[in-house]
Every structure is written in C-alpha cells, then in structure tokens.
Amino acid sequence: MVAAMVEYLGHHPGMCAGLLTALGATGRMSEVLQTNDTWIAAPLRGLLAAGRRTGAFAIDNVADAANALLGAVLLGVLGRSMSGADATDAAFQRQLTEQAVRGVLTH
C-alpha cells in the first residue's frame, strides 16, 4: 500500500502540495481529512492493526503510525519534486517506500 501511494504521488506530486494546502485552508480541512480517512488512512490503519496482531509490525498506536507513514510519503514525494529531482524515479520510490515501512517493521 505504501509503495502504491509513493508511485501514485510520484506521478502526481501536485496532489501532495494540494493536500497540504487544503489541510491549512479554512473550512476545507474537515472535508480533506474525511476523504483521506475514508480512502487512505482507514485502510492503512486496518493493515497496520493486522500486522501488529501478527507481530509483523512493532507499533504502539495504529493511528499515529498511519499518520507517520502518510506524512513520510507526502513530504518525501513533495520534497523530491520541489528540489527538481524526478519523483517518478523507480529507485527513489523504492527507497522512500523502504524507509517509511522500515519504521514499523519488527527487527
């Protein structure tokens, strides 16, 4: 799921900036957060909770871990794009995915 988010946003880096801008815009924050929760965060929390139950993920708080992963992906892609580097580069996408996922894996 994280790899799919990185790949999609890598091809649509403007969406990262748009989501972050909408989060800060008066009156639109709840709409953006609800959409994000329905389509992205809730399924990610479900995966993280399942992984925690099986012992695959070392996380204390599922919601916090999901938010951390989402933030890492959004800012990772946006930072890459804003620097003029290629956010669609497969090596970059693989590295960002691995870095984000490594934060929740058990050792």
Protein backbone atom coordinates (compact mmCIF):
# COMPACT_ATOMS: atom_id res chain seq x y z
CA MET A 1 0.00 0.00 0.00
CA VAL A 2 2.84 2.39 0.83
CA ALA A 3 4.55 1.59 -2.47
CA ALA A 4 1.33 2.29 -4.35
CA MET A 5 0.96 5.66 -2.60
CA VAL A 6 4.57 6.59 -3.38
CA GLU A 7 4.19 5.61 -7.02
CA TYR A 8 0.87 7.40 -7.48
CA LEU A 9 2.02 10.59 -5.77
CA GLY A 10 5.34 10.45 -7.61
CA HIS A 11 3.40 10.78 -10.83
CA HIS A 12 1.09 13.44 -9.30
CA PRO A 13 3.34 15.50 -6.96
CA GLY A 14 0.99 18.45 -7.20
CA MET A 15 -1.51 16.39 -5.24
CA CYS A 16 0.89 16.40 -2.25
CA ALA A 17 1.05 20.18 -2.28
CA GLY A 18 -2.69 20.38 -2.86
CA LEU A 19 -3.47 18.11 0.09
CA LEU A 20 -1.16 20.01 2.40
CA THR A 21 -2.57 23.35 1.22
CA ALA A 22 -6.14 22.14 1.69
CA LEU A 23 -5.31 20.98 5.20
CA GLY A 24 -4.32 24.53 6.07
CA ALA A 25 -7.22 26.20 4.30
CA THR A 26 -10.04 27.48 6.46
CA GLY A 27 -13.23 25.50 6.03
CA ARG A 28 -11.78 22.72 3.88
CA MET A 29 -9.76 20.87 6.48
CA SER A 30 -12.56 18.60 7.70
CA GLU A 31 -13.56 17.69 4.13
CA VAL A 32 -9.98 16.81 3.19
CA LEU A 33 -9.40 14.86 6.40
CA GLN A 34 -12.64 12.91 5.98
CA THR A 35 -11.83 11.98 2.38
CA ASN A 36 -8.29 11.00 3.38
CA ASP A 37 -9.62 8.94 6.26
CA THR A 38 -12.18 7.11 4.15
CA TRP A 39 -9.97 6.19 1.21
CA ILE A 40 -6.43 6.12 2.56
CA ALA A 41 -5.95 6.33 6.32
CA ALA A 42 -8.65 3.87 7.43
CA PRO A 43 -7.46 1.06 5.13
CA LEU A 44 -3.86 1.77 6.16
CA ARG A 45 -4.83 1.61 9.84
CA GLY A 46 -6.53 -1.72 9.16
CA LEU A 47 -3.38 -3.12 7.60
CA LEU A 48 -1.23 -1.82 10.43
CA ALA A 49 -3.56 -3.25 13.06
CA ALA A 50 -3.49 -6.65 11.37
CA GLY A 51 0.30 -6.51 11.17
CA ARG A 52 0.55 -5.58 14.83
CA ARG A 53 -1.67 -8.54 15.79
CA THR A 54 0.54 -10.96 13.87
CA GLY A 55 3.72 -9.44 15.27
CA ALA A 56 4.94 -8.18 11.89
CA PHE A 57 4.73 -4.53 12.93
CA ALA A 58 6.22 -3.00 16.06
CA ILE A 59 3.81 -0.14 16.71
CA ASP A 60 2.12 1.07 19.87
CA ASN A 61 -0.53 3.31 18.34
CA VAL A 62 -2.02 2.36 14.97
CA ALA A 63 -3.41 5.83 14.21
CA ASP A 64 -0.09 7.52 14.97
CA ALA A 65 1.81 5.02 12.83
CA ALA A 66 -0.59 5.54 9.91
CA ASN A 67 -0.23 9.31 10.17
CA ALA A 68 3.56 9.00 10.29
CA LEU A 69 3.59 6.84 7.16
CA LEU A 70 1.26 9.20 5.32
CA GLY A 71 3.36 12.20 6.31
CA ALA A 72 6.57 10.50 5.24
CA VAL A 73 5.13 9.70 1.83
CA LEU A 74 3.59 13.13 1.23
CA LEU A 75 6.64 15.11 2.31
CA GLY A 76 9.10 12.68 0.75
CA VAL A 77 7.50 13.00 -2.68
CA LEU A 78 6.87 16.73 -2.35
CA GLY A 79 10.44 17.41 -1.23
CA ARG A 80 11.83 15.39 -4.12
CA SER A 81 9.61 17.18 -6.60
CA MET A 82 10.29 20.67 -5.22
CA SER A 83 14.04 20.11 -5.49
CA GLY A 84 13.63 19.49 -9.21
CA ALA A 85 14.52 15.81 -8.89
CA ASP A 86 12.42 13.11 -10.55
CA ALA A 87 9.72 11.84 -8.17
CA THR A 88 8.85 9.13 -10.72
CA ASP A 89 12.33 7.58 -10.49
CA ALA A 90 11.85 3.93 -9.54
CA ALA A 91 14.93 3.85 -7.30
CA PHE A 92 13.69 6.89 -5.37
CA GLN A 93 10.22 5.37 -5.00
CA ARG A 94 11.65 2.07 -3.77
CA GLN A 95 13.95 3.82 -1.27
CA LEU A 96 11.17 6.05 0.09
CA THR A 97 8.85 3.06 0.46
CA GLU A 98 11.53 1.00 2.23
CA GLN A 99 12.45 3.89 4.54
CA ALA A 100 8.83 4.51 5.52
CA VAL A 101 7.98 0.83 6.03
CA ARG A 102 11.17 0.12 7.97
CA GLY A 103 9.82 2.41 10.71
CA VAL A 104 7.00 -0.01 11.56
CA LEU A 105 8.66 -3.38 10.99
CA THR A 106 9.80 -5.59 13.83
CA HIS A 107 13.52 -6.28 13.81
